[in-house]
Amino acid sequence: MEPRIGNKFRVGRKLGSGSFGEIYLGTNVQTNEEVAIKLENVKTKHPQLLYESKLYRILQGGTGIPNVKWFGVEGDYNVLVMDLLGPSLEDLFSFCNRKLSLKTVLMLADQMINRVEFVHSKSFLHRDIKPDNFLMGLGKRANQVNATFHWHAFIDGCIIGVLICNFHLSVGLLYRFWACKEV
């Protein structure tokens, strides 16, 4: 029998791993939608997925913020199921021989600044802003032009789609901050 999460998501191949746990490709068995499934051992000393899921819920609806599909405990694992994201900006930069046109840089900077401003508007600081921590959208998010969310960016002829803030690997680097009122 194939592994399932929440009786709704089939676990596929491993996409990556890190100090937090592992990320797998998953599929919604009802809709065939591909998702990312993050697994973290419930016995880990510094669990992150619960906090990550709460963070996504707070940021939900923001442009470039992935949707949480499911969070819970399954067997020995804390599990977070979310939108599947594409390659990082660093990956795409390398793919384009580390050369980007001025137009592309400006288009990407605009999206990145908007993502960071949104995170700040919710009283969070990212603390690790770098190309590895921005991921591209996939599917409909990669090729739709939409004034509020989706639009294309071209890197020397390569279409790269929508930039999405990556919390897959850096949730531990997001911290709540409180503004002090001036007296």
N, C-alpha and C. Protein backbone atom coordinates (compact mmCIF):
# COMPACT_ATOMS: atom_id res chain seq x y z
N MET A 1 0.84 -1.19 0.00
CA MET A 1 0.00 0.00 0.00
C MET A 1 0.89 1.25 0.00
N GLU A 2 0.53 2.22 -0.80
CA GLU A 2 1.31 3.45 -0.90
C GLU A 2 1.05 4.35 0.32
N PRO A 3 2.08 5.08 0.74
CA PRO A 3 1.90 5.98 1.90
C PRO A 3 0.94 7.13 1.58
N ARG A 4 0.06 7.42 2.54
CA ARG A 4 -0.90 8.51 2.38
C ARG A 4 -0.85 9.42 3.59
N ILE A 5 -1.17 10.67 3.36
CA ILE A 5 -1.22 11.68 4.42
C ILE A 5 -2.66 12.17 4.52
N GLY A 6 -3.22 12.08 5.72
CA GLY A 6 -4.58 12.57 5.93
C GLY A 6 -5.60 11.92 5.03
N ASN A 7 -5.35 10.70 4.57
CA ASN A 7 -6.22 9.97 3.64
C ASN A 7 -6.53 10.74 2.37
N LYS A 8 -5.76 11.79 2.09
CA LYS A 8 -6.05 12.63 0.93
C LYS A 8 -4.86 12.83 0.01
N PHE A 9 -3.63 12.65 0.53
CA PHE A 9 -2.43 12.94 -0.24
C PHE A 9 -1.53 11.71 -0.32
N ARG A 10 -1.16 11.36 -1.54
CA ARG A 10 -0.23 10.25 -1.79
C ARG A 10 1.19 10.80 -1.78
N VAL A 11 2.09 10.12 -1.08
CA VAL A 11 3.48 10.54 -0.98
C VAL A 11 4.26 9.97 -2.16
N GLY A 12 4.99 10.83 -2.85
CA GLY A 12 5.80 10.43 -4.00
C GLY A 12 7.28 10.49 -3.70
N ARG A 13 8.05 10.90 -4.70
CA ARG A 13 9.51 10.90 -4.57
C ARG A 13 10.01 12.03 -3.67
N LYS A 14 11.18 11.81 -3.11
CA LYS A 14 11.81 12.80 -2.24
C LYS A 14 12.34 13.95 -3.09
N LEU A 15 12.05 15.19 -2.66
CA LEU A 15 12.52 16.38 -3.37
C LEU A 15 13.73 17.01 -2.70
N GLY A 16 13.84 16.85 -1.39
CA GLY A 16 14.95 17.47 -0.68
C GLY A 16 14.89 17.19 0.80
N SER A 17 15.92 17.64 1.50
CA SER A 17 15.96 17.46 2.94
C SER A 17 16.84 18.55 3.55
N GLY A 18 16.74 18.67 4.85
CA GLY A 18 17.54 19.65 5.57
C GLY A 18 17.43 19.40 7.05
N SER A 19 17.84 20.36 7.84
CA SER A 19 17.81 20.19 9.29
C SER A 19 16.37 20.03 9.80
N PHE A 20 15.39 20.55 9.07
CA PHE A 20 13.99 20.50 9.46
C PHE A 20 13.36 19.14 9.23
N GLY A 21 13.86 18.37 8.28
CA GLY A 21 13.24 17.11 7.89
C GLY A 21 13.37 16.89 6.40
N GLU A 22 12.31 16.38 5.79
CA GLU A 22 12.35 16.04 4.36
C GLU A 22 11.14 16.60 3.63
N ILE A 23 11.32 16.87 2.34
CA ILE A 23 10.23 17.34 1.48
C ILE A 23 10.02 16.30 0.38
N TYR A 24 8.75 15.94 0.17
CA TYR A 24 8.38 14.96 -0.85
C TYR A 24 7.39 15.58 -1.83
N LEU A 25 7.42 15.07 -3.04
CA LEU A 25 6.38 15.38 -4.00
C LEU A 25 5.16 14.59 -3.57
N GLY A 26 4.01 15.21 -3.59
CA GLY A 26 2.78 14.51 -3.24
C GLY A 26 1.71 14.77 -4.26
N THR A 27 0.63 14.01 -4.17
CA THR A 27 -0.50 14.17 -5.07
C THR A 27 -1.79 14.09 -4.28
N ASN A 28 -2.69 15.03 -4.52
CA ASN A 28 -4.02 14.96 -3.94
C ASN A 28 -4.75 13.84 -4.69
N VAL A 29 -5.17 12.79 -3.97
CA VAL A 29 -5.75 11.62 -4.63
C VAL A 29 -7.12 11.91 -5.24
N GLN A 30 -7.78 12.99 -4.81
CA GLN A 30 -9.09 13.34 -5.35
C GLN A 30 -8.99 14.22 -6.59
N THR A 31 -7.99 15.11 -6.63
CA THR A 31 -7.91 16.08 -7.73
C THR A 31 -6.70 15.89 -8.63
N ASN A 32 -5.76 15.03 -8.23
CA ASN A 32 -4.49 14.81 -8.93
C ASN A 32 -3.57 16.03 -8.89
N GLU A 33 -3.87 17.02 -8.07
CA GLU A 33 -3.00 18.20 -7.92
C GLU A 33 -1.71 17.78 -7.23
N GLU A 34 -0.57 18.25 -7.78
CA GLU A 34 0.72 17.98 -7.14
C GLU A 34 0.94 18.99 -6.02
N VAL A 35 1.50 18.49 -4.91
CA VAL A 35 1.75 19.31 -3.72
C VAL A 35 3.13 18.99 -3.17
N ALA A 36 3.58 19.81 -2.24
CA ALA A 36 4.80 19.53 -1.49
C ALA A 36 4.37 18.98 -0.13
N ILE A 37 5.02 17.91 0.30
CA ILE A 37 4.74 17.32 1.61
C ILE A 37 6.02 17.39 2.44
N LYS A 38 5.95 18.14 3.53
CA LYS A 38 7.10 18.28 4.42
C LYS A 38 6.89 17.40 5.63
N LEU A 39 7.90 16.59 5.93
CA LEU A 39 7.84 15.68 7.07
C LEU A 39 8.91 16.05 8.09
N GLU A 40 8.53 16.04 9.35
CA GLU A 40 9.45 16.33 10.44
C GLU A 40 9.16 15.32 11.55
N ASN A 41 10.17 14.64 12.04
CA ASN A 41 9.99 13.66 13.10
C ASN A 41 9.38 14.34 14.32
N VAL A 42 8.35 13.71 14.91
CA VAL A 42 7.68 14.31 16.06
C VAL A 42 8.61 14.43 17.27
N LYS A 43 9.69 13.66 17.28
CA LYS A 43 10.62 13.68 18.41
C LYS A 43 11.77 14.68 18.22
N THR A 44 11.73 15.46 17.16
CA THR A 44 12.81 16.42 16.91
C THR A 44 12.92 17.41 18.08
N LYS A 45 14.15 17.82 18.39
CA LYS A 45 14.38 18.72 19.52
C LYS A 45 13.79 20.11 19.31
N HIS A 46 13.84 20.59 18.09
CA HIS A 46 13.34 21.94 17.78
C HIS A 46 12.33 21.87 16.64
N PRO A 47 11.10 21.44 16.93
CA PRO A 47 10.11 21.31 15.85
C PRO A 47 9.80 22.66 15.21
N GLN A 48 9.62 22.64 13.89
CA GLN A 48 9.36 23.87 13.14
C GLN A 48 8.05 23.86 12.37
N LEU A 49 7.57 22.69 11.99
CA LEU A 49 6.42 22.65 11.08
C LEU A 49 5.15 23.23 11.67
N LEU A 50 4.92 23.05 12.96
CA LEU A 50 3.73 23.65 13.58
C LEU A 50 3.79 25.17 13.44
N TYR A 51 4.95 25.75 13.75
CA TYR A 51 5.12 27.20 13.65
C TYR A 51 5.05 27.66 12.19
N GLU A 52 5.62 26.86 11.30
CA GLU A 52 5.56 27.20 9.88
C GLU A 52 4.12 27.21 9.39
N SER A 53 3.34 26.20 9.80
CA SER A 53 1.94 26.15 9.36
C SER A 53 1.16 27.35 9.91
N LYS A 54 1.44 27.73 11.17
CA LYS A 54 0.77 28.90 11.75
C LYS A 54 1.17 30.18 11.01
N LEU A 55 2.44 30.27 10.65
CA LEU A 55 2.92 31.43 9.90
C LEU A 55 2.21 31.54 8.56
N TYR A 56 2.11 30.42 7.84
CA TYR A 56 1.41 30.44 6.56
C TYR A 56 -0.04 30.85 6.72
N ARG A 57 -0.68 30.40 7.80
CA ARG A 57 -2.09 30.78 8.03
C ARG A 57 -2.21 32.29 8.22
N ILE A 58 -1.26 32.88 8.95
CA ILE A 58 -1.27 34.33 9.17
C ILE A 58 -1.05 35.07 7.85
N LEU A 59 -0.14 34.55 7.02
CA LEU A 59 0.20 35.21 5.76
C LEU A 59 -0.73 34.83 4.61
N GLN A 60 -1.62 33.85 4.85
CA GLN A 60 -2.50 33.33 3.81
C GLN A 60 -3.21 34.43 3.06
N GLY A 61 -3.25 34.29 1.75
CA GLY A 61 -3.94 35.26 0.90
C GLY A 61 -3.03 36.34 0.35
N GLY A 62 -1.82 36.43 0.88
CA GLY A 62 -0.87 37.40 0.37
C GLY A 62 -0.32 36.96 -0.97
N THR A 63 -0.05 37.90 -1.84
CA THR A 63 0.53 37.58 -3.14
C THR A 63 1.85 36.86 -2.94
N GLY A 64 1.98 35.72 -3.61
CA GLY A 64 3.23 34.97 -3.55
C GLY A 64 3.39 34.12 -2.32
N ILE A 65 2.35 33.93 -1.53
CA ILE A 65 2.42 33.09 -0.34
C ILE A 65 1.76 31.76 -0.66
N PRO A 66 2.49 30.64 -0.51
CA PRO A 66 1.90 29.34 -0.83
C PRO A 66 0.76 28.98 0.12
N ASN A 67 -0.20 28.23 -0.39
CA ASN A 67 -1.35 27.79 0.40
C ASN A 67 -1.02 26.52 1.17
N VAL A 68 -1.49 26.46 2.41
CA VAL A 68 -1.39 25.24 3.21
C VAL A 68 -2.61 24.40 2.88
N LYS A 69 -2.38 23.15 2.51
CA LYS A 69 -3.46 22.23 2.17
C LYS A 69 -3.88 21.40 3.38
N TRP A 70 -2.88 21.07 4.26
CA TRP A 70 -3.16 20.21 5.41
C TRP A 70 -1.99 20.29 6.36
N PHE A 71 -2.28 20.25 7.65
CA PHE A 71 -1.23 20.12 8.66
C PHE A 71 -1.74 19.19 9.75
N GLY A 72 -0.86 18.32 10.23
CA GLY A 72 -1.23 17.42 11.31
C GLY A 72 -0.11 16.44 11.60
N VAL A 73 -0.43 15.47 12.45
CA VAL A 73 0.52 14.42 12.80
C VAL A 73 0.05 13.14 12.12
N GLU A 74 0.98 12.48 11.47
CA GLU A 74 0.71 11.21 10.78
C GLU A 74 1.80 10.24 11.20
N GLY A 75 1.44 9.25 12.02
CA GLY A 75 2.45 8.31 12.51
C GLY A 75 3.48 9.01 13.36
N ASP A 76 4.75 8.87 13.00
CA ASP A 76 5.86 9.48 13.74
C ASP A 76 6.25 10.86 13.20
N TYR A 77 5.40 11.46 12.38
CA TYR A 77 5.80 12.71 11.71
C TYR A 77 4.78 13.83 11.88
N ASN A 78 5.31 15.04 12.07
CA ASN A 78 4.53 16.25 11.85
C ASN A 78 4.55 16.44 10.34
N VAL A 79 3.41 16.77 9.76
CA VAL A 79 3.30 16.85 8.30
C VAL A 79 2.67 18.17 7.89
N LEU A 80 3.29 18.81 6.92
CA LEU A 80 2.74 20.03 6.32
C LEU A 80 2.61 19.78 4.82
N VAL A 81 1.39 19.90 4.32
CA VAL A 81 1.13 19.76 2.88
C VAL A 81 0.81 21.15 2.36
N MET A 82 1.51 21.55 1.30
CA MET A 82 1.35 22.91 0.78
C MET A 82 1.54 22.93 -0.72
N ASP A 83 1.31 24.11 -1.32
CA ASP A 83 1.54 24.27 -2.75
C ASP A 83 2.94 23.82 -3.12
N LEU A 84 3.05 23.14 -4.24
CA LEU A 84 4.35 22.78 -4.79
C LEU A 84 4.92 24.00 -5.50
N LEU A 85 6.16 24.33 -5.17
CA LEU A 85 6.82 25.48 -5.76
C LEU A 85 7.91 25.03 -6.71
N GLY A 86 8.35 25.93 -7.56
CA GLY A 86 9.36 25.63 -8.57
C GLY A 86 10.77 25.91 -8.08
N PRO A 87 11.67 26.12 -9.02
CA PRO A 87 13.08 26.34 -8.67
C PRO A 87 13.29 27.69 -7.99
N SER A 88 14.39 27.79 -7.28
CA SER A 88 14.72 29.05 -6.61
C SER A 88 15.25 30.06 -7.62
N LEU A 89 15.27 31.31 -7.20
CA LEU A 89 15.85 32.36 -8.03
C LEU A 89 17.33 32.07 -8.27
N GLU A 90 18.00 31.52 -7.27
CA GLU A 90 19.41 31.15 -7.43
C GLU A 90 19.57 30.09 -8.52
N ASP A 91 18.70 29.08 -8.53
CA ASP A 91 18.74 28.04 -9.57
C ASP A 91 18.57 28.66 -10.95
N LEU A 92 17.61 29.56 -11.09
CA LEU A 92 17.35 30.18 -12.39
C LEU A 92 18.49 31.09 -12.81
N PHE A 93 19.08 31.78 -11.86
CA PHE A 93 20.23 32.64 -12.14
C PHE A 93 21.38 31.80 -12.69
N SER A 94 21.63 30.66 -12.05
CA SER A 94 22.68 29.75 -12.53
C SER A 94 22.34 29.20 -13.91
N PHE A 95 21.07 28.84 -14.11
CA PHE A 95 20.63 28.30 -15.40
C PHE A 95 20.88 29.30 -16.52
N CYS A 96 20.79 30.58 -16.22
CA CYS A 96 21.00 31.64 -17.21
C CYS A 96 22.43 32.16 -17.19
N ASN A 97 23.36 31.29 -16.81
CA ASN A 97 24.79 31.62 -16.80
C ASN A 97 25.12 32.86 -15.97
N ARG A 98 24.34 33.05 -14.90
CA ARG A 98 24.57 34.13 -13.93
C ARG A 98 24.56 35.51 -14.59
N LYS A 99 23.76 35.65 -15.65
CA LYS A 99 23.61 36.94 -16.33
C LYS A 99 22.13 37.21 -16.51
N LEU A 100 21.69 38.37 -16.04
CA LEU A 100 20.30 38.79 -16.19
C LEU A 100 20.27 40.19 -16.78
N SER A 101 19.29 40.43 -17.61
CA SER A 101 19.14 41.78 -18.17
C SER A 101 18.68 42.74 -17.07
N LEU A 102 18.91 44.02 -17.28
CA LEU A 102 18.46 45.02 -16.32
C LEU A 102 16.94 44.94 -16.13
N LYS A 103 16.21 44.76 -17.22
CA LYS A 103 14.76 44.66 -17.15
C LYS A 103 14.34 43.51 -16.25
N THR A 104 14.99 42.36 -16.40
CA THR A 104 14.66 41.19 -15.59
C THR A 104 14.96 41.45 -14.12
N VAL A 105 16.12 42.03 -13.85
CA VAL A 105 16.50 42.34 -12.46
C VAL A 105 15.46 43.26 -11.83
N LEU A 106 15.03 44.28 -12.57
CA LEU A 106 14.05 45.22 -12.03
C LEU A 106 12.69 44.56 -11.80
N MET A 107 12.28 43.69 -12.72
CA MET A 107 11.01 42.99 -12.56
C MET A 107 11.05 42.06 -11.34
N LEU A 108 12.15 41.35 -11.18
CA LEU A 108 12.30 40.45 -10.04
C LEU A 108 12.39 41.24 -8.74
N ALA A 109 13.15 42.31 -8.74
CA ALA A 109 13.29 43.14 -7.53
C ALA A 109 11.93 43.67 -7.09
N ASP A 110 11.12 44.10 -8.04
CA ASP A 110 9.79 44.60 -7.71
C ASP A 110 8.97 43.54 -6.99
N GLN A 111 8.98 42.31 -7.51
CA GLN A 111 8.24 41.23 -6.87
C GLN A 111 8.80 40.90 -5.49
N MET A 112 10.12 40.82 -5.40
CA MET A 112 10.75 40.47 -4.13
C MET A 112 10.46 41.52 -3.06
N ILE A 113 10.55 42.78 -3.43
CA ILE A 113 10.26 43.86 -2.48
C ILE A 113 8.81 43.79 -2.03
N ASN A 114 7.90 43.52 -2.95
CA ASN A 114 6.49 43.39 -2.59
C ASN A 114 6.26 42.24 -1.61
N ARG A 115 6.96 41.10 -1.82
CA ARG A 115 6.81 39.95 -0.91
C ARG A 115 7.32 40.32 0.49
N VAL A 116 8.48 40.95 0.54
CA VAL A 116 9.08 41.31 1.83
C VAL A 116 8.21 42.36 2.53
N GLU A 117 7.71 43.34 1.78
CA GLU A 117 6.82 44.34 2.38
C GLU A 117 5.58 43.70 2.97
N PHE A 118 5.03 42.70 2.28
CA PHE A 118 3.84 42.02 2.80
C PHE A 118 4.16 41.30 4.11
N VAL A 119 5.28 40.59 4.13
CA VAL A 119 5.69 39.89 5.36
C VAL A 119 5.87 40.91 6.49
N HIS A 120 6.49 42.04 6.21
CA HIS A 120 6.67 43.09 7.22
C HIS A 120 5.32 43.66 7.68
N SER A 121 4.37 43.78 6.75
CA SER A 121 3.06 44.33 7.11
C SER A 121 2.33 43.45 8.10
N LYS A 122 2.71 42.19 8.17
CA LYS A 122 2.13 41.24 9.13
C LYS A 122 2.98 41.11 10.38
N SER A 123 3.94 42.01 10.55
CA SER A 123 4.82 42.08 11.73
C SER A 123 5.82 40.93 11.83
N PHE A 124 6.34 40.51 10.69
CA PHE A 124 7.41 39.51 10.67
C PHE A 124 8.62 40.06 9.95
N LEU A 125 9.79 39.59 10.35
CA LEU A 125 11.04 39.88 9.65
C LEU A 125 11.57 38.57 9.10
N HIS A 126 12.11 38.58 7.89
CA HIS A 126 12.61 37.34 7.29
C HIS A 126 14.00 36.97 7.79
N ARG A 127 14.92 37.88 7.83
CA ARG A 127 16.28 37.72 8.35
C ARG A 127 17.21 36.85 7.52
N ASP A 128 16.80 36.38 6.36
CA ASP A 128 17.72 35.62 5.50
C ASP A 128 17.30 35.79 4.04
N ILE A 129 17.26 37.02 3.59
CA ILE A 129 16.82 37.30 2.22
C ILE A 129 17.97 37.04 1.27
N LYS A 130 17.78 36.08 0.38
CA LYS A 130 18.78 35.71 -0.62
C LYS A 130 18.08 34.95 -1.74
N PRO A 131 18.71 34.82 -2.90
CA PRO A 131 18.06 34.17 -4.04
C PRO A 131 17.59 32.74 -3.76
N ASP A 132 18.29 32.01 -2.89
CA ASP A 132 17.86 30.65 -2.55
C ASP A 132 16.52 30.63 -1.83
N ASN A 133 16.14 31.73 -1.21
CA ASN A 133 14.93 31.77 -0.41
C ASN A 133 13.74 32.42 -1.12
N PHE A 134 13.82 32.50 -2.44
CA PHE A 134 12.69 32.90 -3.26
C PHE A 134 12.49 31.80 -4.30
N LEU A 135 11.27 31.26 -4.38
CA LEU A 135 10.98 30.18 -5.32
C LEU A 135 9.99 30.66 -6.36
N MET A 136 10.08 30.05 -7.52
CA MET A 136 9.19 30.39 -8.61
C MET A 136 7.91 29.57 -8.51
N GLY A 137 6.82 30.11 -9.07
CA GLY A 137 5.57 29.38 -9.15
C GLY A 137 5.62 28.36 -10.27
N LEU A 138 4.68 27.44 -10.25
CA LEU A 138 4.57 26.40 -11.27
C LEU A 138 3.19 26.44 -11.91
N GLY A 139 3.05 25.77 -13.04
CA GLY A 139 1.75 25.60 -13.68
C GLY A 139 1.09 26.92 -14.00
N LYS A 140 -0.16 27.07 -13.55
CA LYS A 140 -0.91 28.29 -13.82
C LYS A 140 -0.21 29.52 -13.27
N ARG A 141 0.49 29.37 -12.18
CA ARG A 141 1.19 30.50 -11.58
C ARG A 141 2.40 30.92 -12.39
N ALA A 142 2.87 30.06 -13.28
CA ALA A 142 4.07 30.38 -14.05
C ALA A 142 3.75 31.06 -15.37
N ASN A 143 2.51 30.98 -15.85
CA ASN A 143 2.26 31.53 -17.18
C ASN A 143 0.99 32.36 -17.30
N GLN A 144 0.45 32.84 -16.20
CA GLN A 144 -0.70 33.73 -16.27
C GLN A 144 -0.27 35.15 -15.94
N VAL A 145 -0.80 36.09 -16.67
CA VAL A 145 -0.55 37.49 -16.36
C VAL A 145 -1.76 37.99 -15.57
N ASN A 146 -1.52 38.45 -14.35
CA ASN A 146 -2.59 38.90 -13.47
C ASN A 146 -2.05 40.07 -12.67
N ALA A 147 -2.72 41.18 -12.70
CA ALA A 147 -2.20 42.39 -12.05
C ALA A 147 -2.00 42.22 -10.55
N THR A 148 -2.78 41.37 -9.91
CA THR A 148 -2.66 41.25 -8.46
C THR A 148 -1.76 40.10 -8.03
N PHE A 149 -1.46 39.17 -8.93
CA PHE A 149 -0.68 38.03 -8.48
C PHE A 149 0.29 37.51 -9.52
N HIS A 150 -0.19 37.11 -10.68
CA HIS A 150 0.65 36.39 -11.64
C HIS A 150 1.10 37.29 -12.79
N TRP A 151 2.37 37.20 -13.11
CA TRP A 151 2.87 37.84 -14.32
C TRP A 151 4.18 37.19 -14.69
N HIS A 152 4.59 37.40 -15.93
CA HIS A 152 5.80 36.77 -16.45
C HIS A 152 7.04 37.61 -16.19
N ALA A 153 8.13 36.94 -16.04
CA ALA A 153 9.44 37.59 -16.09
C ALA A 153 10.26 36.81 -17.10
N PHE A 154 10.98 37.49 -17.93
CA PHE A 154 11.80 36.81 -18.93
C PHE A 154 13.27 36.99 -18.60
N ILE A 155 14.00 35.91 -18.57
CA ILE A 155 15.44 35.97 -18.38
C ILE A 155 16.08 35.57 -19.69
N ASP A 156 16.51 36.56 -20.43
CA ASP A 156 17.19 36.32 -21.70
C ASP A 156 16.49 35.22 -22.50
N GLY A 157 15.18 35.35 -22.64
CA GLY A 157 14.41 34.40 -23.44
C GLY A 157 13.80 33.26 -22.65
N CYS A 158 14.20 33.06 -21.39
CA CYS A 158 13.65 31.98 -20.57
C CYS A 158 12.48 32.54 -19.76
N ILE A 159 11.30 31.98 -19.92
CA ILE A 159 10.17 32.44 -19.11
C ILE A 159 10.31 31.82 -17.72
N ILE A 160 10.17 32.63 -16.69
CA ILE A 160 10.38 32.09 -15.35
C ILE A 160 9.19 32.20 -14.43
N GLY A 161 8.16 32.91 -14.79
CA GLY A 161 6.93 32.87 -14.02
C GLY A 161 6.89 33.74 -12.79
N VAL A 162 6.16 33.29 -11.81
CA VAL A 162 5.84 34.09 -10.63
C VAL A 162 6.82 33.80 -9.50
N LEU A 163 7.29 34.84 -8.89
CA LEU A 163 8.19 34.71 -7.76
C LEU A 163 7.38 34.51 -6.49
N ILE A 164 7.76 33.53 -5.69
CA ILE A 164 7.04 33.24 -4.46
C ILE A 164 8.03 33.19 -3.31
N CYS A 165 7.70 33.85 -2.23
CA CYS A 165 8.59 33.83 -1.06
C CYS A 165 8.72 32.39 -0.57
N ASN A 166 9.92 31.92 -0.38
CA ASN A 166 10.18 30.53 0.00
C ASN A 166 10.28 30.38 1.49
N PHE A 167 9.29 29.74 2.07
CA PHE A 167 9.41 29.41 3.48
C PHE A 167 9.66 27.91 3.62
N HIS A 168 9.83 27.19 2.50
CA HIS A 168 10.12 25.76 2.59
C HIS A 168 11.33 25.51 3.47
N LEU A 169 12.39 26.30 3.29
CA LEU A 169 13.65 26.00 3.95
C LEU A 169 14.05 27.01 5.02
N SER A 170 13.30 28.08 5.19
CA SER A 170 13.81 29.13 6.07
C SER A 170 12.83 29.62 7.12
N VAL A 171 11.90 28.77 7.54
CA VAL A 171 10.91 29.24 8.51
C VAL A 171 11.57 29.63 9.83
N GLY A 172 12.65 28.98 10.20
CA GLY A 172 13.34 29.31 11.44
C GLY A 172 13.94 30.70 11.41
N LEU A 173 14.00 31.30 10.25
CA LEU A 173 14.60 32.62 10.12
C LEU A 173 13.55 33.72 10.09
N LEU A 174 12.30 33.37 10.35
CA LEU A 174 11.23 34.36 10.43
C LEU A 174 10.89 34.58 11.90
N TYR A 175 10.92 35.81 12.31
CA TYR A 175 10.66 36.11 13.71
C TYR A 175 9.63 37.23 13.82
N ARG A 176 8.78 37.13 14.81
CA ARG A 176 7.78 38.17 15.06
C ARG A 176 8.48 39.39 15.63
N PHE A 177 8.09 40.55 15.22
CA PHE A 177 8.62 41.74 15.85
C PHE A 177 7.46 42.65 16.23
N TRP A 178 7.68 43.48 17.20
CA TRP A 178 6.64 44.38 17.69
C TRP A 178 7.12 45.81 17.55
N ALA A 179 6.30 46.65 16.99
CA ALA A 179 6.65 48.06 16.83
C ALA A 179 6.47 48.77 18.17
N CYS A 180 7.42 49.62 18.50
CA CYS A 180 7.34 50.40 19.74
C CYS A 180 6.69 51.74 19.42
N LYS A 181 5.75 52.14 20.22
CA LYS A 181 5.12 53.45 20.04
C LYS A 181 6.08 54.52 20.54
N GLU A 182 6.15 55.60 19.79
CA GLU A 182 6.98 56.72 20.24
C GLU A 182 6.25 57.49 21.33
N VAL A 183 7.00 57.90 22.31
CA VAL A 183 6.41 58.65 23.43
C VAL A 183 6.52 60.13 23.17
